[in-house]
């Protein structure tokens, strides 16, 4: 019996080390998985910087900036050369074009996409969106009568933090550290642009009531943020045509009412000519193209990304003003443009996932596989896929846990068998 005791002690220590090794194996596996996941995310981010999709998003964003530049130039000509100050009339032409184009498309639809069904289900929501959009355009133009261009350029950036907060609350967008750093880089670019304006002495607007003008700019930025969040939700979940059609319909009605109440004297005082008509047409067509293309860019990226790209619109207006209105030029404008573009690329290099996008990833893969899949079936397949993945993960955890729990008695049984064989062999020799 003494032989048995002597042989069991070393084997007991060996068994303990093997048990510890097997129980630590899942921990080492998880560590390797985390390291490989970090390297994979870094590699994907480096690929996203040079991707064709990012280049397309950048080009489309700068195209939107050029359209805003066109609206600024036409408005500048109307105000300085022809003394026209009727922002609601200018917006009315844009909303009328949207109504004629996209609301007519809704009239030709059938089923739940018809304009009658849309108005029956959510008319009040689009009414609020129309009010927000019209007043956002009106307040920012009105602010030029009370404050200067520098204050407007600085305070108009308030739309970006408000938009990110609203996206985090309502769209469940998850921003990372790189996104906040990218926004700060863009805002530094705006600061360089404002500094260049101060150095060159380019001051426009009035200074009669700076506090009121600054408050109007902040109100306009907040309204723009609300409108952009509603646009992103509608475009990614419903339809671009539905959003533009409803905004055009309610925007036309609200603009007509507000113009009749607030701008009837200014409209009556306009001296119409072919130049004035051409400028109004250029403004309306530029705004129509901006409203039509912006949902496409929002669908590819996000509303926050689009607003970051629109920060270059003021720079494009300045570059055009150097040749058209003889503005002074400063090298800080180039620095500002480069900083804004770098911030925009950094913001889009890392995706901004949301709860909705994560939940619909598997259903999107299923819809690509089967294009005839209905939304309800896709959602059901999505839930089933998540349930299956959770079940597999639970089985894996149970496998590792059971292995660690069962290793001790199993090893004891094997050791006991080995020791009894040794006893029998030793007894036979004796």
Protein backbone atom coordinates (compact mmCIF):
# COMPACT_ATOMS: atom_id res chain seq x y z
CA UNK A 1 0.00 0.00 0.00
CA UNK A 2 2.89 2.30 0.60
CA UNK A 3 3.87 1.91 -3.01
CA UNK A 4 0.44 3.10 -4.07
CA UNK A 5 0.68 6.22 -1.91
CA UNK A 6 4.09 7.11 -3.23
CA UNK A 7 2.96 6.77 -6.86
CA UNK A 8 -0.23 8.82 -6.42
CA UNK A 9 1.45 12.06 -5.19
CA UNK A 10 3.41 12.99 -8.36
CA UNK A 11 0.51 11.99 -10.59
CA UNK A 12 -1.81 14.17 -8.51
CA UNK A 13 0.47 17.15 -9.19
CA UNK A 14 0.66 16.28 -12.88
CA UNK A 15 -3.12 16.03 -13.06
CA UNK A 16 -3.53 19.44 -11.47
CA UNK A 17 -1.22 21.09 -13.96
CA UNK A 18 -3.06 19.48 -16.87
CA UNK A 19 -6.40 20.59 -15.49
CA UNK A 20 -5.12 24.13 -15.10
CA UNK A 21 -3.76 24.09 -18.63
CA UNK A 22 -7.03 22.90 -20.10
CA UNK A 23 -9.06 25.44 -18.12
CA UNK A 24 -6.73 28.26 -19.19
CA UNK A 25 -7.00 27.28 -22.86
CA UNK A 26 -10.25 29.26 -23.46
CA UNK A 27 -8.63 32.36 -21.89
CA UNK A 28 -5.65 32.15 -24.24
CA UNK A 29 -8.02 31.60 -27.15
CA UNK A 30 -10.03 34.70 -26.24
CA UNK A 31 -6.84 36.76 -25.93
CA UNK A 32 -5.66 35.65 -29.37
CA UNK A 33 -9.12 36.38 -30.78
CA UNK A 34 -9.13 39.92 -29.36
CA UNK A 35 -5.65 40.62 -30.72
CA UNK A 36 -6.53 39.33 -34.16
CA UNK A 37 -9.79 41.32 -34.08
CA UNK A 38 -7.89 44.54 -33.30
CA UNK A 39 -5.46 43.91 -36.13
CA UNK A 40 -8.35 43.14 -38.47
CA UNK A 41 -10.13 46.38 -37.55
CA UNK A 42 -6.92 48.36 -38.09
CA UNK A 43 -6.43 46.75 -41.49
CA UNK A 44 -10.04 47.45 -42.49
CA UNK A 45 -9.68 51.09 -41.43
CA UNK A 46 -6.54 51.50 -43.54
CA UNK A 47 -8.37 49.97 -46.49
CA UNK A 48 -11.35 52.27 -45.96
CA UNK A 49 -9.13 55.35 -46.25
CA UNK A 50 -8.19 54.39 -49.83
CA UNK A 51 -11.50 52.79 -50.80
CA UNK A 52 -13.50 53.73 -53.88
CA UNK A 53 -16.62 54.20 -51.74
CA UNK A 54 -14.91 56.85 -49.62
CA UNK A 55 -13.72 58.64 -52.74
CA UNK A 56 -17.28 58.65 -54.11
CA UNK A 57 -18.66 59.96 -50.82
CA UNK A 58 -16.01 62.68 -50.74
CA UNK A 59 -16.73 63.70 -54.34
CA UNK A 60 -20.49 63.75 -53.79
CA UNK A 61 -20.09 65.77 -50.60
CA UNK A 62 -18.00 68.37 -52.38
CA UNK A 63 -20.57 68.43 -55.16
CA UNK A 64 -23.17 69.38 -52.56
CA UNK A 65 -20.81 72.09 -51.36
CA UNK A 66 -20.58 73.47 -54.90
CA UNK A 67 -24.38 73.57 -55.13
CA UNK A 68 -24.55 75.57 -51.89
CA UNK A 69 -21.88 77.84 -53.33
CA UNK A 70 -24.11 78.41 -56.36
CA UNK A 71 -27.04 79.35 -54.13
CA UNK A 72 -24.82 81.79 -52.22
CA UNK A 73 -23.59 83.44 -55.43
CA UNK A 74 -27.10 83.89 -56.87
CA UNK A 75 -28.38 85.26 -53.56
CA UNK A 76 -25.43 87.65 -53.41
CA UNK A 77 -26.17 88.97 -56.89
CA UNK A 78 -29.86 89.38 -56.08
CA UNK A 79 -29.08 91.30 -52.89
CA UNK A 80 -26.26 93.53 -54.14
CA UNK A 81 -27.07 94.15 -57.80
CA UNK A 82 -30.89 94.11 -57.82
CA UNK A 83 -31.72 94.83 -54.15
CA UNK A 84 -33.96 91.76 -53.80
CA UNK A 85 -34.46 90.57 -50.23
CA UNK A 86 -37.13 87.86 -50.38
CA UNK A 87 -35.78 84.58 -48.94
CA UNK A 88 -39.23 82.99 -48.68
CA UNK A 89 -39.89 83.61 -52.37
CA UNK A 90 -36.58 81.98 -53.25
CA UNK A 91 -37.42 78.96 -51.08
CA UNK A 92 -40.91 78.77 -52.56
CA UNK A 93 -39.55 78.06 -56.03
CA UNK A 94 -37.43 75.21 -54.65
CA UNK A 95 -40.31 73.61 -52.74
CA UNK A 96 -42.57 74.00 -55.76
CA UNK A 97 -40.08 72.07 -57.91
CA UNK A 98 -39.88 69.33 -55.28
CA UNK A 99 -43.66 69.16 -55.10
CA UNK A 100 -44.11 68.96 -58.88
CA UNK A 101 -41.43 66.28 -59.26
CA UNK A 102 -41.66 63.98 -56.24
CA UNK A 103 -45.21 64.51 -55.01
CA UNK A 104 -46.42 63.65 -58.51
CA UNK A 105 -44.45 60.40 -58.28
CA UNK A 106 -46.25 59.59 -55.03
CA UNK A 107 -49.58 60.19 -56.74
CA UNK A 108 -48.74 57.49 -59.31
CA UNK A 109 -47.84 54.88 -56.70
CA UNK A 110 -50.13 52.14 -55.46
CA UNK A 111 -50.58 50.47 -52.11
CA UNK A 112 -48.93 51.78 -48.96
CA UNK A 113 -46.59 54.03 -50.97
CA UNK A 114 -49.45 56.13 -52.35
CA UNK A 115 -49.71 59.70 -51.15
CA UNK A 116 -53.18 59.09 -49.69
CA UNK A 117 -51.93 56.27 -47.47
CA UNK A 118 -48.84 58.27 -46.45
CA UNK A 119 -50.93 61.27 -45.45
CA UNK A 120 -53.39 59.04 -43.61
CA UNK A 121 -50.70 57.36 -41.54
CA UNK A 122 -48.10 60.08 -40.82
CA UNK A 123 -49.21 63.45 -42.23
CA UNK A 124 -48.52 65.29 -38.98
CA UNK A 125 -44.93 64.05 -38.88
CA UNK A 126 -44.17 65.43 -42.32
CA UNK A 127 -45.96 68.65 -41.42
CA UNK A 128 -43.54 69.14 -38.54
CA UNK A 129 -40.58 68.28 -40.79
CA UNK A 130 -41.80 70.81 -43.34
CA UNK A 131 -42.11 73.54 -40.71
CA UNK A 132 -38.63 72.76 -39.37
CA UNK A 133 -37.04 72.80 -42.83
CA UNK A 134 -38.71 76.04 -43.96
CA UNK A 135 -37.88 77.91 -40.75
CA UNK A 136 -34.28 76.68 -40.80
CA UNK A 137 -33.77 78.24 -44.23
CA UNK A 138 -35.59 81.43 -43.22
CA UNK A 139 -33.81 82.09 -39.90
CA UNK A 140 -30.28 81.72 -41.29
CA UNK A 141 -31.03 84.25 -44.07
CA UNK A 142 -32.71 86.56 -41.57
CA UNK A 143 -29.64 86.44 -39.33
CA UNK A 144 -27.59 88.35 -41.94
CA UNK A 145 -29.69 91.43 -41.15
CA UNK A 146 -28.53 91.50 -37.51
CA UNK A 147 -25.04 89.98 -37.26
CA UNK A 148 -21.90 89.65 -39.35
CA UNK A 149 -20.52 86.84 -41.47
CA UNK A 150 -17.89 85.80 -38.92
CA UNK A 151 -20.48 85.03 -36.25
CA UNK A 152 -22.62 83.14 -38.73
CA UNK A 153 -19.72 80.97 -39.91
CA UNK A 154 -18.70 80.12 -36.36
CA UNK A 155 -22.15 79.51 -34.89
CA UNK A 156 -23.41 77.61 -37.91
CA UNK A 157 -21.02 74.79 -36.93
CA UNK A 158 -23.30 74.25 -33.94
CA UNK A 159 -25.33 71.99 -36.23
CA UNK A 160 -22.67 69.23 -36.02
CA UNK A 161 -22.66 68.56 -32.23
CA UNK A 162 -26.46 68.88 -32.12
CA UNK A 163 -26.74 66.44 -35.01
CA UNK A 164 -24.41 63.93 -33.35
CA UNK A 165 -26.39 64.12 -30.09
CA UNK A 166 -29.70 63.61 -31.89
CA UNK A 167 -28.26 60.74 -33.93
CA UNK A 168 -27.01 59.09 -30.75
CA UNK A 169 -30.38 59.40 -29.02
CA UNK A 170 -32.84 58.68 -31.82
CA UNK A 171 -30.87 56.74 -34.44
CA UNK A 172 -28.70 54.90 -31.87
CA UNK A 173 -25.53 55.76 -33.80
CA UNK A 174 -22.37 54.72 -31.98
CA UNK A 175 -19.55 57.22 -32.46
CA UNK A 176 -15.95 56.37 -31.63
CA UNK A 177 -13.00 58.45 -30.53
CA UNK A 178 -11.78 58.91 -34.09
CA UNK A 179 -15.10 60.52 -35.06
CA UNK A 180 -14.84 63.14 -32.33
CA UNK A 181 -11.21 63.83 -33.29
CA UNK A 182 -12.26 64.21 -36.94
CA UNK A 183 -14.98 66.70 -35.98
CA UNK A 184 -12.45 68.72 -33.97
CA UNK A 185 -10.12 68.81 -36.99
CA UNK A 186 -12.94 70.11 -39.18
CA UNK A 187 -13.83 72.77 -36.64
CA UNK A 188 -10.18 73.84 -36.53
CA UNK A 189 -10.40 74.25 -40.30
CA UNK A 190 -13.45 76.49 -39.86
CA UNK A 191 -11.50 78.50 -37.29
CA UNK A 192 -8.72 79.00 -39.83
CA UNK A 193 -11.29 80.17 -42.37
CA UNK A 194 -12.73 82.72 -39.92
CA UNK A 195 -9.22 83.88 -39.06
CA UNK A 196 -8.51 84.42 -42.75
CA UNK A 197 -11.71 86.48 -43.03
CA UNK A 198 -10.58 88.70 -40.17
CA UNK A 199 -7.10 89.15 -41.66
CA UNK A 200 -8.44 90.07 -45.10
CA UNK A 201 -11.13 92.32 -43.67
CA UNK A 202 -13.99 90.46 -45.35
CA UNK A 203 -16.94 91.47 -43.17
CA UNK A 204 -20.45 91.13 -44.52
CA UNK A 205 -23.83 91.46 -42.99
CA UNK A 206 -24.96 93.89 -40.33
CA UNK A 207 -24.08 94.54 -36.69
CA UNK A 208 -27.29 96.22 -35.61
CA UNK A 209 -28.28 93.51 -33.12
CA UNK A 210 -25.54 90.90 -32.81
CA UNK A 211 -27.21 89.02 -29.95
CA UNK A 212 -30.43 88.53 -31.89
CA UNK A 213 -28.53 87.50 -35.01
CA UNK A 214 -26.43 84.97 -33.10
CA UNK A 215 -29.56 83.50 -31.52
CA UNK A 216 -31.14 83.15 -34.97
CA UNK A 217 -28.06 81.30 -36.21
CA UNK A 218 -28.19 78.87 -33.26
CA UNK A 219 -31.92 78.30 -33.84
CA UNK A 220 -31.25 77.67 -37.53
CA UNK A 221 -28.45 75.19 -36.74
CA UNK A 222 -30.70 73.28 -34.34
CA UNK A 223 -33.55 73.15 -36.87
CA UNK A 224 -31.16 71.95 -39.58
CA UNK A 225 -29.97 69.18 -37.27
CA UNK A 226 -33.53 68.04 -36.57
CA UNK A 227 -34.38 68.10 -40.28
CA UNK A 228 -31.26 66.13 -41.21
CA UNK A 229 -31.92 63.46 -38.59
CA UNK A 230 -35.48 63.06 -39.87
CA UNK A 231 -34.13 62.87 -43.39
CA UNK A 232 -31.59 60.17 -42.50
CA UNK A 233 -34.21 58.05 -40.74
CA UNK A 234 -36.72 58.37 -43.59
CA UNK A 235 -34.21 57.73 -46.37
CA UNK A 236 -32.70 54.64 -44.70
CA UNK A 237 -35.99 53.13 -43.52
CA UNK A 238 -38.73 54.35 -45.87
CA UNK A 239 -38.05 56.11 -49.17
CA UNK A 240 -36.20 59.07 -50.61
CA UNK A 241 -39.12 59.91 -52.90
CA UNK A 242 -41.52 59.89 -49.95
CA UNK A 243 -39.38 62.29 -47.94
CA UNK A 244 -38.81 64.75 -50.79
CA UNK A 245 -42.42 64.57 -51.93
CA UNK A 246 -43.80 65.32 -48.48
CA UNK A 247 -41.24 68.08 -47.80
CA UNK A 248 -42.07 69.63 -51.17
CA UNK A 249 -45.82 69.49 -50.49
CA UNK A 250 -45.80 70.93 -46.99
CA UNK A 251 -42.88 73.26 -47.73
CA UNK A 252 -44.83 74.83 -50.60
CA UNK A 253 -47.89 75.39 -48.43
CA UNK A 254 -45.92 76.84 -45.50
CA UNK A 255 -43.77 79.06 -47.74
CA UNK A 256 -46.84 80.53 -49.45
CA UNK A 257 -48.48 81.32 -46.13
CA UNK A 258 -45.34 82.82 -44.59
CA UNK A 259 -44.50 84.84 -47.70
CA UNK A 260 -48.02 86.30 -47.77
CA UNK A 261 -47.70 87.31 -44.12
CA UNK A 262 -44.11 88.55 -43.91
CA UNK A 263 -42.76 89.33 -47.39
CA UNK A 264 -45.67 90.65 -49.43
CA UNK A 265 -44.16 94.17 -49.50
CA UNK A 266 -40.70 92.96 -50.53
CA UNK A 267 -42.17 90.79 -53.29
CA UNK A 268 -44.30 93.66 -54.60
CA UNK A 269 -41.23 95.92 -54.73
CA UNK A 270 -39.19 93.58 -56.95
CA UNK A 271 -38.37 95.04 -60.37
CA UNK A 272 -38.57 91.99 -62.59
CA UNK A 273 -36.21 91.55 -65.52
CA UNK A 274 -34.66 88.65 -67.35
CA UNK A 275 -31.55 88.91 -65.14
CA UNK A 276 -33.64 88.67 -61.97
CA UNK A 277 -35.60 85.76 -63.41
CA UNK A 278 -32.37 84.00 -64.39
CA UNK A 279 -30.94 84.43 -60.89
CA UNK A 280 -34.13 83.11 -59.30
CA UNK A 281 -34.06 80.15 -61.67
CA UNK A 282 -30.40 79.43 -60.89
CA UNK A 283 -31.08 79.54 -57.16
CA UNK A 284 -34.14 77.29 -57.43
CA UNK A 285 -32.40 74.73 -59.65
CA UNK A 286 -29.34 74.62 -57.37
CA UNK A 287 -31.51 74.09 -54.30
CA UNK A 288 -33.56 71.46 -56.12
CA UNK A 289 -30.40 69.56 -57.07
CA UNK A 290 -29.11 69.90 -53.50
CA UNK A 291 -32.31 68.49 -52.01
CA UNK A 292 -32.43 65.69 -54.58
CA UNK A 293 -28.80 64.56 -54.19
CA UNK A 294 -28.40 65.00 -50.45
CA UNK A 295 -30.50 61.92 -49.52
CA UNK A 296 -28.25 59.79 -51.73
CA UNK A 297 -25.15 60.92 -49.85
CA UNK A 298 -26.90 60.55 -46.49
CA UNK A 299 -27.88 56.99 -47.39
CA UNK A 300 -24.27 56.14 -48.28
CA UNK A 301 -22.79 57.70 -45.13
CA UNK A 302 -24.69 59.70 -42.50
CA UNK A 303 -26.15 63.12 -41.89
CA UNK A 304 -23.17 64.10 -39.72
CA UNK A 305 -20.75 63.16 -42.50
CA UNK A 306 -22.69 65.22 -45.03
CA UNK A 307 -22.65 68.30 -42.79
CA UNK A 308 -18.90 67.94 -42.35
CA UNK A 309 -18.46 67.94 -46.11
CA UNK A 310 -20.69 71.01 -46.42
CA UNK A 311 -18.22 73.02 -44.34
CA UNK A 312 -16.23 73.55 -47.53
CA UNK A 313 -19.17 75.39 -49.13
CA UNK A 314 -18.07 78.69 -47.56
CA UNK A 315 -14.57 78.16 -48.93
CA UNK A 316 -15.92 77.54 -52.43
CA UNK A 317 -17.97 80.72 -52.11
CA UNK A 318 -14.82 82.61 -51.12
CA UNK A 319 -12.85 81.20 -54.06
CA UNK A 320 -15.66 82.24 -56.41
CA UNK A 321 -15.89 85.63 -54.73
CA UNK A 322 -12.20 86.29 -55.42
CA UNK A 323 -13.00 86.36 -59.15
CA UNK A 324 -16.60 87.63 -59.08
CA UNK A 325 -16.70 90.08 -56.16
CA UNK A 326 -12.94 90.84 -55.86
CA UNK A 327 -12.49 89.37 -52.38
CA UNK A 328 -9.03 89.39 -50.84
CA UNK A 329 -7.30 86.00 -50.69
CA UNK A 330 -5.31 84.47 -47.84
CA UNK A 331 -3.24 81.31 -47.59
CA UNK A 332 -5.24 80.30 -44.52
CA UNK A 333 -8.12 79.44 -46.85
CA UNK A 334 -6.04 76.60 -48.31
CA UNK A 335 -5.10 75.45 -44.80
CA UNK A 336 -8.78 75.48 -43.86
CA UNK A 337 -9.76 73.46 -46.92
CA UNK A 338 -7.08 70.82 -46.27
CA UNK A 339 -8.03 70.54 -42.57
CA UNK A 340 -11.73 70.07 -43.36
CA UNK A 341 -10.98 67.42 -46.00
CA UNK A 342 -8.67 65.53 -43.63
CA UNK A 343 -11.32 65.58 -40.91
CA UNK A 344 -13.97 64.41 -43.36
CA UNK A 345 -11.81 61.50 -44.57
CA UNK A 346 -10.96 60.49 -41.00
CA UNK A 347 -14.64 60.59 -40.04
CA UNK A 348 -15.67 58.34 -42.93
CA UNK A 349 -12.69 55.98 -42.71
CA UNK A 350 -14.23 54.32 -39.63
CA UNK A 351 -17.89 53.32 -40.02
CA UNK A 352 -20.52 54.55 -37.56
CA UNK A 353 -22.65 51.46 -36.84
CA UNK A 354 -26.07 51.77 -35.27
CA UNK A 355 -28.39 49.35 -33.54
CA UNK A 356 -30.58 49.25 -36.62
CA UNK A 357 -27.68 48.49 -38.96
CA UNK A 358 -26.38 45.74 -36.68
CA UNK A 359 -29.83 44.19 -36.41
CA UNK A 360 -30.37 44.28 -40.17
CA UNK A 361 -26.93 43.06 -41.29
CA UNK A 362 -27.92 39.42 -41.59
CA UNK A 363 -31.26 40.31 -43.16
CA UNK A 364 -29.43 42.44 -45.74
CA UNK A 365 -27.24 39.46 -46.61
CA UNK A 366 -30.35 37.33 -46.96
CA UNK A 367 -32.04 39.93 -49.17
CA UNK A 368 -28.97 40.02 -51.44
CA UNK A 369 -29.15 36.25 -51.71
CA UNK A 370 -32.90 36.28 -52.33
CA UNK A 371 -34.01 39.60 -53.89
CA UNK A 372 -37.67 38.59 -53.72
CA UNK A 373 -37.62 38.32 -49.94
CA UNK A 374 -40.26 40.42 -48.20
CA UNK A 375 -39.29 42.77 -45.33
CA UNK A 376 -41.23 40.67 -42.80
CA UNK A 377 -39.50 37.48 -43.95
CA UNK A 378 -36.13 39.23 -43.84
CA UNK A 379 -36.79 40.38 -40.29
CA UNK A 380 -37.84 36.86 -39.28
CA UNK A 381 -34.70 35.41 -40.88
CA UNK A 382 -32.63 38.02 -39.09
CA UNK A 383 -34.09 37.02 -35.71
CA UNK A 384 -33.56 33.35 -36.46
CA UNK A 385 -29.94 33.99 -37.42
CA UNK A 386 -29.27 35.85 -34.19
CA UNK A 387 -30.97 33.09 -32.19
CA UNK A 388 -28.86 30.46 -33.94
CA UNK A 389 -25.65 32.42 -33.29
CA UNK A 390 -26.55 32.86 -29.63
CA UNK A 391 -27.26 29.13 -29.38
CA UNK A 392 -23.90 28.25 -30.90
CA UNK A 393 -22.12 30.63 -28.56
CA UNK A 394 -23.93 29.11 -25.59
CA UNK A 395 -23.00 25.60 -26.71
CA UNK A 396 -19.36 26.65 -27.03
CA UNK A 397 -19.35 28.17 -23.55
CA UNK A 398 -21.05 25.08 -22.16
CA UNK A 399 -18.48 22.88 -23.91
CA UNK A 400 -15.54 24.69 -22.35
CA UNK A 401 -17.19 24.95 -18.96
CA UNK A 402 -18.20 21.29 -18.98
CA UNK A 403 -14.73 20.26 -20.02
CA UNK A 404 -13.19 22.13 -17.10
CA UNK A 405 -15.78 20.85 -14.65
CA UNK A 406 -15.63 17.25 -15.87
CA UNK A 407 -11.86 17.05 -16.15
CA UNK A 408 -11.26 16.60 -12.40
CA UNK A 409 -13.45 13.50 -11.73
CA UNK A 410 -12.52 12.02 -15.12
CA UNK A 411 -8.83 12.38 -14.38
CA UNK A 412 -9.33 10.93 -10.94
CA UNK A 413 -11.00 7.88 -12.44
CA UNK A 414 -8.19 7.38 -14.95
CA UNK A 415 -5.53 7.79 -12.26
CA UNK A 416 -7.31 5.32 -10.01
CA UNK A 417 -7.36 2.76 -12.86
CA UNK A 418 -3.65 3.23 -13.49
CA UNK A 419 -2.76 2.90 -9.80
CA UNK A 420 -4.78 -0.31 -9.36
CA UNK A 421 -2.99 -1.87 -12.33
CA UNK A 422 0.32 -0.96 -10.74
CA UNK A 423 -0.74 -2.61 -7.48
CA UNK A 424 -1.76 -5.81 -9.26
CA UNK A 425 1.50 -5.94 -11.21
CA UNK A 426 3.54 -5.34 -8.07
CA UNK A 427 1.67 -8.05 -6.18
CA UNK A 428 2.24 -10.55 -9.00
CA UNK A 429 5.97 -9.92 -8.92
CA UNK A 430 6.04 -10.47 -5.19
